[in-house]
Amino acid sequence: RDAVQLSPYVDNRALAHALKAVETLMEMSAGCAEVAHVR
């Protein structure tokens, strides 16, 4: 968010990688919560 606000130019490839990182972290978090629930 800060990078997009501060820069008029957005590197779409870097943005896509960052979004993939967020997706991966959220999936790992959901997996941890699911395993905790099962336990």
ModelCIF file with pLDDT and N, C-alpha, C, O atoms, coordinates in Angstrom:
data_MODEL
#
_entry.id   MODEL 
#
_entity.id                         1 
_entity.type                       polymer 
_entity.pdbx_number_of_molecules   1 
#
_entity_poly.entity_id                      1 
_entity_poly.type                           'polypeptide(L)' 
_entity_poly.nstd_linkage                   no 
_entity_poly.nstd_monomer                   no 
_entity_poly.pdbx_seq_one_letter_code       RDAVQLSPYVDNRALAHALKAVETLMEMSAGCAEVAHVR 
_entity_poly.pdbx_seq_one_letter_code_can   RDAVQLSPYVDNRALAHALKAVETLMEMSAGCAEVAHVR 
_entity_poly.pdbx_strand_id                 A 
#
loop_
_entity_poly_seq.entity_id 
_entity_poly_seq.num 
_entity_poly_seq.mon_id 
_entity_poly_seq.hetero 
1 1  ARG n 
1 2  ASP n 
1 3  ALA n 
1 4  VAL n 
1 5  GLN n 
1 6  LEU n 
1 7  SER n 
1 8  PRO n 
1 9  TYR n 
1 10 VAL n 
1 11 ASP n 
1 12 ASN n 
1 13 ARG n 
1 14 ALA n 
1 15 LEU n 
1 16 ALA n 
1 17 HIS n 
1 18 ALA n 
1 19 LEU n 
1 20 LYS n 
1 21 ALA n 
1 22 VAL n 
1 23 GLU n 
1 24 THR n 
1 25 LEU n 
1 26 MET n 
1 27 GLU n 
1 28 MET n 
1 29 SER n 
1 30 ALA n 
1 31 GLY n 
1 32 CYS n 
1 33 ALA n 
1 34 GLU n 
1 35 VAL n 
1 36 ALA n 
1 37 HIS n 
1 38 VAL n 
1 39 ARG n 
#
_struct_asym.id          A 
_struct_asym.entity_id   1 
#
loop_
_ma_qa_metric.id 
_ma_qa_metric.mode 
_ma_qa_metric.name 
_ma_qa_metric.software_group_id 
_ma_qa_metric.type 
1 global pLDDT . pLDDT 
2 local  pLDDT . pLDDT 
#
_ma_qa_metric_global.metric_id      1 
_ma_qa_metric_global.metric_value   88.87 
_ma_qa_metric_global.model_id       1 
_ma_qa_metric_global.ordinal_id     1 
#
loop_
_ma_qa_metric_local.label_asym_id 
_ma_qa_metric_local.label_comp_id 
_ma_qa_metric_local.label_seq_id 
_ma_qa_metric_local.metric_id 
_ma_qa_metric_local.metric_value 
_ma_qa_metric_local.model_id 
_ma_qa_metric_local.ordinal_id 
A ARG 1  2 92.00 1 1  
A ASP 2  2 91.00 1 2  
A ALA 3  2 88.00 1 3  
A VAL 4  2 89.00 1 4  
A GLN 5  2 90.00 1 5  
A LEU 6  2 90.00 1 6  
A SER 7  2 85.00 1 7  
A PRO 8  2 81.00 1 8  
A TYR 9  2 87.00 1 9  
A VAL 10 2 83.00 1 10 
A ASP 11 2 88.00 1 11 
A ASN 12 2 87.00 1 12 
A ARG 13 2 91.00 1 13 
A ALA 14 2 89.00 1 14 
A LEU 15 2 90.00 1 15 
A ALA 16 2 91.00 1 16 
A HIS 17 2 91.00 1 17 
A ALA 18 2 92.00 1 18 
A LEU 19 2 93.00 1 19 
A LYS 20 2 92.00 1 20 
A ALA 21 2 91.00 1 21 
A VAL 22 2 93.00 1 22 
A GLU 23 2 93.00 1 23 
A THR 24 2 90.00 1 24 
A LEU 25 2 89.00 1 25 
A MET 26 2 92.00 1 26 
A GLU 27 2 90.00 1 27 
A MET 28 2 87.00 1 28 
A SER 29 2 88.00 1 29 
A ALA 30 2 89.00 1 30 
A GLY 31 2 87.00 1 31 
A CYS 32 2 86.00 1 32 
A ALA 33 2 89.00 1 33 
A GLU 34 2 89.00 1 34 
A VAL 35 2 87.00 1 35 
A ALA 36 2 86.00 1 36 
A HIS 37 2 88.00 1 37 
A VAL 38 2 88.00 1 38 
A ARG 39 2 84.00 1 39 
#
loop_
_atom_site.group_PDB 
_atom_site.id 
_atom_site.type_symbol 
_atom_site.label_atom_id 
_atom_site.label_alt_id 
_atom_site.label_comp_id 
_atom_site.label_asym_id 
_atom_site.label_entity_id 
_atom_site.label_seq_id 
_atom_site.pdbx_PDB_ins_code 
_atom_site.Cartn_x 
_atom_site.Cartn_y 
_atom_site.Cartn_z 
_atom_site.occupancy 
_atom_site.B_iso_or_equiv 
_atom_site.pdbx_formal_charge 
_atom_site.auth_seq_id 
_atom_site.auth_comp_id 
_atom_site.auth_asym_id 
_atom_site.auth_atom_id 
_atom_site.pdbx_PDB_model_num 
ATOM 1   N N  . ARG A 1 1  ? 0.829   -1.202  0.000   1.00 92.00 ? 1  ARG A N  1 
ATOM 2   C CA . ARG A 1 1  ? 0.000   0.000   0.000   1.00 92.00 ? 1  ARG A CA 1 
ATOM 3   C C  . ARG A 1 1  ? 0.863   1.252   0.000   1.00 92.00 ? 1  ARG A C  1 
ATOM 4   O O  . ARG A 1 1  ? 0.617   2.183   -0.766  1.00 92.00 ? 1  ARG A O  1 
ATOM 5   N N  . ASP A 1 2  ? 1.881   1.273   0.865   1.00 91.00 ? 2  ASP A N  1 
ATOM 6   C CA . ASP A 1 2  ? 2.767   2.428   0.945   1.00 91.00 ? 2  ASP A CA 1 
ATOM 7   C C  . ASP A 1 2  ? 3.530   2.632   -0.362  1.00 91.00 ? 2  ASP A C  1 
ATOM 8   O O  . ASP A 1 2  ? 3.687   3.764   -0.818  1.00 91.00 ? 2  ASP A O  1 
ATOM 9   N N  . ALA A 1 3  ? 3.996   1.559   -0.956  1.00 88.00 ? 3  ALA A N  1 
ATOM 10  C CA . ALA A 1 3  ? 4.751   1.663   -2.210  1.00 88.00 ? 3  ALA A CA 1 
ATOM 11  C C  . ALA A 1 3  ? 3.873   2.209   -3.329  1.00 88.00 ? 3  ALA A C  1 
ATOM 12  O O  . ALA A 1 3  ? 4.321   3.039   -4.121  1.00 88.00 ? 3  ALA A O  1 
ATOM 13  N N  . VAL A 1 4  ? 2.636   1.753   -3.399  1.00 89.00 ? 4  VAL A N  1 
ATOM 14  C CA . VAL A 1 4  ? 1.729   2.225   -4.446  1.00 89.00 ? 4  VAL A CA 1 
ATOM 15  C C  . VAL A 1 4  ? 1.369   3.693   -4.232  1.00 89.00 ? 4  VAL A C  1 
ATOM 16  O O  . VAL A 1 4  ? 1.231   4.444   -5.197  1.00 89.00 ? 4  VAL A O  1 
ATOM 17  N N  . GLN A 1 5  ? 1.216   4.104   -2.978  1.00 90.00 ? 5  GLN A N  1 
ATOM 18  C CA . GLN A 1 5  ? 0.886   5.494   -2.688  1.00 90.00 ? 5  GLN A CA 1 
ATOM 19  C C  . GLN A 1 5  ? 2.049   6.438   -2.978  1.00 90.00 ? 5  GLN A C  1 
ATOM 20  O O  . GLN A 1 5  ? 1.836   7.570   -3.412  1.00 90.00 ? 5  GLN A O  1 
ATOM 21  N N  . LEU A 1 6  ? 3.270   5.981   -2.741  1.00 90.00 ? 6  LEU A N  1 
ATOM 22  C CA . LEU A 1 6  ? 4.437   6.853   -2.876  1.00 90.00 ? 6  LEU A CA 1 
ATOM 23  C C  . LEU A 1 6  ? 4.999   6.908   -4.287  1.00 90.00 ? 6  LEU A C  1 
ATOM 24  O O  . LEU A 1 6  ? 5.684   7.868   -4.640  1.00 90.00 ? 6  LEU A O  1 
ATOM 25  N N  . SER A 1 7  ? 4.728   5.919   -5.082  1.00 85.00 ? 7  SER A N  1 
ATOM 26  C CA . SER A 1 7  ? 5.330   5.863   -6.413  1.00 85.00 ? 7  SER A CA 1 
ATOM 27  C C  . SER A 1 7  ? 4.243   5.957   -7.491  1.00 85.00 ? 7  SER A C  1 
ATOM 28  O O  . SER A 1 7  ? 3.234   5.255   -7.421  1.00 85.00 ? 7  SER A O  1 
ATOM 29  N N  . PRO A 1 8  ? 4.452   6.815   -8.474  1.00 81.00 ? 8  PRO A N  1 
ATOM 30  C CA . PRO A 1 8  ? 3.476   6.880   -9.564  1.00 81.00 ? 8  PRO A CA 1 
ATOM 31  C C  . PRO A 1 8  ? 3.597   5.685   -10.509 1.00 81.00 ? 8  PRO A C  1 
ATOM 32  O O  . PRO A 1 8  ? 2.699   5.430   -11.312 1.00 81.00 ? 8  PRO A O  1 
ATOM 33  N N  . TYR A 1 9  ? 4.700   4.962   -10.412 1.00 87.00 ? 9  TYR A N  1 
ATOM 34  C CA . TYR A 1 9  ? 4.935   3.810   -11.284 1.00 87.00 ? 9  TYR A CA 1 
ATOM 35  C C  . TYR A 1 9  ? 4.858   2.530   -10.467 1.00 87.00 ? 9  TYR A C  1 
ATOM 36  O O  . TYR A 1 9  ? 5.519   2.402   -9.436  1.00 87.00 ? 9  TYR A O  1 
ATOM 37  N N  . VAL A 1 10 ? 4.067   1.603   -10.921 1.00 83.00 ? 10 VAL A N  1 
ATOM 38  C CA . VAL A 1 10 ? 3.896   0.338   -10.222 1.00 83.00 ? 10 VAL A CA 1 
ATOM 39  C C  . VAL A 1 10 ? 4.479   -0.769  -11.089 1.00 83.00 ? 10 VAL A C  1 
ATOM 40  O O  . VAL A 1 10 ? 4.122   -0.913  -12.258 1.00 83.00 ? 10 VAL A O  1 
ATOM 41  N N  . ASP A 1 11 ? 5.379   -1.549  -10.499 1.00 88.00 ? 11 ASP A N  1 
ATOM 42  C CA . ASP A 1 11 ? 5.936   -2.715  -11.177 1.00 88.00 ? 11 ASP A CA 1 
ATOM 43  C C  . ASP A 1 11 ? 4.930   -3.860  -11.016 1.00 88.00 ? 11 ASP A C  1 
ATOM 44  O O  . ASP A 1 11 ? 4.817   -4.460  -9.948  1.00 88.00 ? 11 ASP A O  1 
ATOM 45  N N  . ASN A 1 12 ? 4.220   -4.140  -12.080 1.00 87.00 ? 12 ASN A N  1 
ATOM 46  C CA . ASN A 1 12 ? 3.161   -5.157  -12.012 1.00 87.00 ? 12 ASN A CA 1 
ATOM 47  C C  . ASN A 1 12 ? 3.693   -6.524  -11.614 1.00 87.00 ? 12 ASN A C  1 
ATOM 48  O O  . ASN A 1 12 ? 3.019   -7.271  -10.905 1.00 87.00 ? 12 ASN A O  1 
ATOM 49  N N  . ARG A 1 13 ? 4.893   -6.856  -12.064 1.00 91.00 ? 13 ARG A N  1 
ATOM 50  C CA . ARG A 1 13 ? 5.475   -8.162  -11.729 1.00 91.00 ? 13 ARG A CA 1 
ATOM 51  C C  . ARG A 1 13 ? 5.772   -8.249  -10.227 1.00 91.00 ? 13 ARG A C  1 
ATOM 52  O O  . ARG A 1 13 ? 5.482   -9.261  -9.589  1.00 91.00 ? 13 ARG A O  1 
ATOM 53  N N  . ALA A 1 14 ? 6.347   -7.191  -9.675  1.00 89.00 ? 14 ALA A N  1 
ATOM 54  C CA . ALA A 1 14 ? 6.633   -7.174  -8.240  1.00 89.00 ? 14 ALA A CA 1 
ATOM 55  C C  . ALA A 1 14 ? 5.342   -7.200  -7.428  1.00 89.00 ? 14 ALA A C  1 
ATOM 56  O O  . ALA A 1 14 ? 5.264   -7.862  -6.393  1.00 89.00 ? 14 ALA A O  1 
ATOM 57  N N  . LEU A 1 15 ? 4.334   -6.479  -7.901  1.00 90.00 ? 15 LEU A N  1 
ATOM 58  C CA . LEU A 1 15 ? 3.044   -6.475  -7.220  1.00 90.00 ? 15 LEU A CA 1 
ATOM 59  C C  . LEU A 1 15 ? 2.419   -7.870  -7.233  1.00 90.00 ? 15 LEU A C  1 
ATOM 60  O O  . LEU A 1 15 ? 1.850   -8.311  -6.235  1.00 90.00 ? 15 LEU A O  1 
ATOM 61  N N  . ALA A 1 16 ? 2.528   -8.555  -8.361  1.00 91.00 ? 16 ALA A N  1 
ATOM 62  C CA . ALA A 1 16 ? 1.992   -9.919  -8.449  1.00 91.00 ? 16 ALA A CA 1 
ATOM 63  C C  . ALA A 1 16 ? 2.729   -10.865 -7.498  1.00 91.00 ? 16 ALA A C  1 
ATOM 64  O O  . ALA A 1 16 ? 2.104   -11.723 -6.875  1.00 91.00 ? 16 ALA A O  1 
ATOM 65  N N  . HIS A 1 17 ? 4.040   -10.715 -7.382  1.00 91.00 ? 17 HIS A N  1 
ATOM 66  C CA . HIS A 1 17 ? 4.807   -11.555 -6.452  1.00 91.00 ? 17 HIS A CA 1 
ATOM 67  C C  . HIS A 1 17 ? 4.410   -11.262 -5.006  1.00 91.00 ? 17 HIS A C  1 
ATOM 68  O O  . HIS A 1 17 ? 4.282   -12.182 -4.198  1.00 91.00 ? 17 HIS A O  1 
ATOM 69  N N  . ALA A 1 18 ? 4.217   -9.999  -4.683  1.00 92.00 ? 18 ALA A N  1 
ATOM 70  C CA . ALA A 1 18 ? 3.816   -9.638  -3.323  1.00 92.00 ? 18 ALA A CA 1 
ATOM 71  C C  . ALA A 1 18 ? 2.435   -10.198 -2.998  1.00 92.00 ? 18 ALA A C  1 
ATOM 72  O O  . ALA A 1 18 ? 2.209   -10.694 -1.894  1.00 92.00 ? 18 ALA A O  1 
ATOM 73  N N  . LEU A 1 19 ? 1.521   -10.123 -3.945  1.00 93.00 ? 19 LEU A N  1 
ATOM 74  C CA . LEU A 1 19 ? 0.186   -10.680 -3.724  1.00 93.00 ? 19 LEU A CA 1 
ATOM 75  C C  . LEU A 1 19 ? 0.236   -12.193 -3.561  1.00 93.00 ? 19 LEU A C  1 
ATOM 76  O O  . LEU A 1 19 ? -0.512  -12.755 -2.761  1.00 93.00 ? 19 LEU A O  1 
ATOM 77  N N  . LYS A 1 20 ? 1.112   -12.857 -4.312  1.00 92.00 ? 20 LYS A N  1 
ATOM 78  C CA . LYS A 1 20 ? 1.282   -14.308 -4.153  1.00 92.00 ? 20 LYS A CA 1 
ATOM 79  C C  . LYS A 1 20 ? 1.832   -14.624 -2.762  1.00 92.00 ? 20 LYS A C  1 
ATOM 80  O O  . LYS A 1 20 ? 1.439   -15.616 -2.148  1.00 92.00 ? 20 LYS A O  1 
ATOM 81  N N  . ALA A 1 21 ? 2.736   -13.787 -2.270  1.00 91.00 ? 21 ALA A N  1 
ATOM 82  C CA . ALA A 1 21 ? 3.277   -13.994 -0.920  1.00 91.00 ? 21 ALA A CA 1 
ATOM 83  C C  . ALA A 1 21 ? 2.175   -13.867 0.122   1.00 91.00 ? 21 ALA A C  1 
ATOM 84  O O  . ALA A 1 21 ? 2.110   -14.659 1.063   1.00 91.00 ? 21 ALA A O  1 
ATOM 85  N N  . VAL A 1 22 ? 1.313   -12.875 -0.044  1.00 93.00 ? 22 VAL A N  1 
ATOM 86  C CA . VAL A 1 22 ? 0.194   -12.698 0.891   1.00 93.00 ? 22 VAL A CA 1 
ATOM 87  C C  . VAL A 1 22 ? -0.733  -13.910 0.832   1.00 93.00 ? 22 VAL A C  1 
ATOM 88  O O  . VAL A 1 22 ? -1.174  -14.410 1.867   1.00 93.00 ? 22 VAL A O  1 
ATOM 89  N N  . GLU A 1 23 ? -1.021  -14.374 -0.363  1.00 93.00 ? 23 GLU A N  1 
ATOM 90  C CA . GLU A 1 23 ? -1.874  -15.552 -0.519  1.00 93.00 ? 23 GLU A CA 1 
ATOM 91  C C  . GLU A 1 23 ? -1.267  -16.769 0.183   1.00 93.00 ? 23 GLU A C  1 
ATOM 92  O O  . GLU A 1 23 ? -1.968  -17.499 0.884   1.00 93.00 ? 23 GLU A O  1 
ATOM 93  N N  . THR A 1 24 ? 0.024   -16.982 -0.004  1.00 90.00 ? 24 THR A N  1 
ATOM 94  C CA . THR A 1 24 ? 0.699   -18.131 0.614   1.00 90.00 ? 24 THR A CA 1 
ATOM 95  C C  . THR A 1 24 ? 0.670   -18.036 2.132   1.00 90.00 ? 24 THR A C  1 
ATOM 96  O O  . THR A 1 24 ? 0.393   -19.026 2.809   1.00 90.00 ? 24 THR A O  1 
ATOM 97  N N  . LEU A 1 25 ? 0.952   -16.853 2.676   1.00 89.00 ? 25 LEU A N  1 
ATOM 98  C CA . LEU A 1 25 ? 0.912   -16.670 4.130   1.00 89.00 ? 25 LEU A CA 1 
ATOM 99  C C  . LEU A 1 25 ? -0.489  -16.918 4.671   1.00 89.00 ? 25 LEU A C  1 
ATOM 100 O O  . LEU A 1 25 ? -0.647  -17.533 5.726   1.00 89.00 ? 25 LEU A O  1 
ATOM 101 N N  . MET A 1 26 ? -1.500  -16.447 3.963   1.00 92.00 ? 26 MET A N  1 
ATOM 102 C CA . MET A 1 26 ? -2.873  -16.655 4.426   1.00 92.00 ? 26 MET A CA 1 
ATOM 103 C C  . MET A 1 26 ? -3.273  -18.128 4.360   1.00 92.00 ? 26 MET A C  1 
ATOM 104 O O  . MET A 1 26 ? -3.967  -18.621 5.250   1.00 92.00 ? 26 MET A O  1 
ATOM 105 N N  . GLU A 1 27 ? -2.841  -18.832 3.313   1.00 90.00 ? 27 GLU A N  1 
ATOM 106 C CA . GLU A 1 27 ? -3.142  -20.260 3.219   1.00 90.00 ? 27 GLU A CA 1 
ATOM 107 C C  . GLU A 1 27 ? -2.445  -21.042 4.327   1.00 90.00 ? 27 GLU A C  1 
ATOM 108 O O  . GLU A 1 27 ? -3.028  -21.962 4.900   1.00 90.00 ? 27 GLU A O  1 
ATOM 109 N N  . MET A 1 28 ? -1.199  -20.680 4.629   1.00 87.00 ? 28 MET A N  1 
ATOM 110 C CA . MET A 1 28 ? -0.480  -21.358 5.710   1.00 87.00 ? 28 MET A CA 1 
ATOM 111 C C  . MET A 1 28 ? -1.150  -21.079 7.048   1.00 87.00 ? 28 MET A C  1 
ATOM 112 O O  . MET A 1 28 ? -1.248  -21.969 7.892   1.00 87.00 ? 28 MET A O  1 
ATOM 113 N N  . SER A 1 29 ? -1.613  -19.845 7.246   1.00 88.00 ? 29 SER A N  1 
ATOM 114 C CA . SER A 1 29 ? -2.310  -19.494 8.481   1.00 88.00 ? 29 SER A CA 1 
ATOM 115 C C  . SER A 1 29 ? -3.602  -20.286 8.626   1.00 88.00 ? 29 SER A C  1 
ATOM 116 O O  . SER A 1 29 ? -3.904  -20.813 9.697   1.00 88.00 ? 29 SER A O  1 
ATOM 117 N N  . ALA A 1 30 ? -4.360  -20.364 7.538   1.00 89.00 ? 30 ALA A N  1 
ATOM 118 C CA . ALA A 1 30 ? -5.606  -21.137 7.577   1.00 89.00 ? 30 ALA A CA 1 
ATOM 119 C C  . ALA A 1 30 ? -5.323  -22.607 7.859   1.00 89.00 ? 30 ALA A C  1 
ATOM 120 O O  . ALA A 1 30 ? -6.081  -23.259 8.578   1.00 89.00 ? 30 ALA A O  1 
ATOM 121 N N  . GLY A 1 31 ? -4.240  -23.130 7.300   1.00 87.00 ? 31 GLY A N  1 
ATOM 122 C CA . GLY A 1 31 ? -3.863  -24.519 7.567   1.00 87.00 ? 31 GLY A CA 1 
ATOM 123 C C  . GLY A 1 31 ? -3.535  -24.749 9.033   1.00 87.00 ? 31 GLY A C  1 
ATOM 124 O O  . GLY A 1 31 ? -3.939  -25.755 9.617   1.00 87.00 ? 31 GLY A O  1 
ATOM 125 N N  . CYS A 1 32 ? -2.797  -23.810 9.630   1.00 86.00 ? 32 CYS A N  1 
ATOM 126 C CA . CYS A 1 32 ? -2.481  -23.933 11.061  1.00 86.00 ? 32 CYS A CA 1 
ATOM 127 C C  . CYS A 1 32 ? -3.743  -23.903 11.906  1.00 86.00 ? 32 CYS A C  1 
ATOM 128 O O  . CYS A 1 32 ? -3.894  -24.700 12.832  1.00 86.00 ? 32 CYS A O  1 
ATOM 129 N N  . ALA A 1 33 ? -4.646  -22.990 11.591  1.00 89.00 ? 33 ALA A N  1 
ATOM 130 C CA . ALA A 1 33 ? -5.896  -22.887 12.354  1.00 89.00 ? 33 ALA A CA 1 
ATOM 131 C C  . ALA A 1 33 ? -6.739  -24.146 12.187  1.00 89.00 ? 33 ALA A C  1 
ATOM 132 O O  . ALA A 1 33 ? -7.364  -24.605 13.144  1.00 89.00 ? 33 ALA A O  1 
ATOM 133 N N  . GLU A 1 34 ? -6.761  -24.707 10.977  1.00 89.00 ? 34 GLU A N  1 
ATOM 134 C CA . GLU A 1 34 ? -7.533  -25.926 10.733  1.00 89.00 ? 34 GLU A CA 1 
ATOM 135 C C  . GLU A 1 34 ? -6.969  -27.110 11.517  1.00 89.00 ? 34 GLU A C  1 
ATOM 136 O O  . GLU A 1 34 ? -7.726  -27.875 12.115  1.00 89.00 ? 34 GLU A O  1 
ATOM 137 N N  . VAL A 1 35 ? -5.652  -27.262 11.518  1.00 87.00 ? 35 VAL A N  1 
ATOM 138 C CA . VAL A 1 35 ? -5.025  -28.358 12.268  1.00 87.00 ? 35 VAL A CA 1 
ATOM 139 C C  . VAL A 1 35 ? -5.265  -28.163 13.763  1.00 87.00 ? 35 VAL A C  1 
ATOM 140 O O  . VAL A 1 35 ? -5.517  -29.132 14.480  1.00 87.00 ? 35 VAL A O  1 
ATOM 141 N N  . ALA A 1 36 ? -5.187  -26.918 14.239  1.00 86.00 ? 36 ALA A N  1 
ATOM 142 C CA . ALA A 1 36 ? -5.457  -26.649 15.661  1.00 86.00 ? 36 ALA A CA 1 
ATOM 143 C C  . ALA A 1 36 ? -6.889  -27.049 16.007  1.00 86.00 ? 36 ALA A C  1 
ATOM 144 O O  . ALA A 1 36 ? -7.133  -27.655 17.051  1.00 86.00 ? 36 ALA A O  1 
ATOM 145 N N  . HIS A 1 37 ? -7.833  -26.712 15.134  1.00 88.00 ? 37 HIS A N  1 
ATOM 146 C CA . HIS A 1 37 ? -9.235  -27.073 15.377  1.00 88.00 ? 37 HIS A CA 1 
ATOM 147 C C  . HIS A 1 37 ? -9.403  -28.592 15.461  1.00 88.00 ? 37 HIS A C  1 
ATOM 148 O O  . HIS A 1 37 ? -10.079 -29.098 16.357  1.00 88.00 ? 37 HIS A O  1 
ATOM 149 N N  . VAL A 1 38 ? -8.792  -29.304 14.533  1.00 88.00 ? 38 VAL A N  1 
ATOM 150 C CA . VAL A 1 38 ? -8.881  -30.773 14.533  1.00 88.00 ? 38 VAL A CA 1 
ATOM 151 C C  . VAL A 1 38 ? -8.295  -31.329 15.826  1.00 88.00 ? 38 VAL A C  1 
ATOM 152 O O  . VAL A 1 38 ? -8.849  -32.259 16.413  1.00 88.00 ? 38 VAL A O  1 
ATOM 153 N N  . ARG A 1 39 ? -7.179  -30.763 16.269  1.00 84.00 ? 39 ARG A N  1 
ATOM 154 C CA . ARG A 1 39 ? -6.556  -31.265 17.505  1.00 84.00 ? 39 ARG A CA 1 
ATOM 155 C C  . ARG A 1 39 ? -7.408  -30.945 18.720  1.00 84.00 ? 39 ARG A C  1 
ATOM 156 O O  . ARG A 1 39 ? -7.038  -31.291 19.842  1.00 84.00 ? 39 ARG A O  1 
#
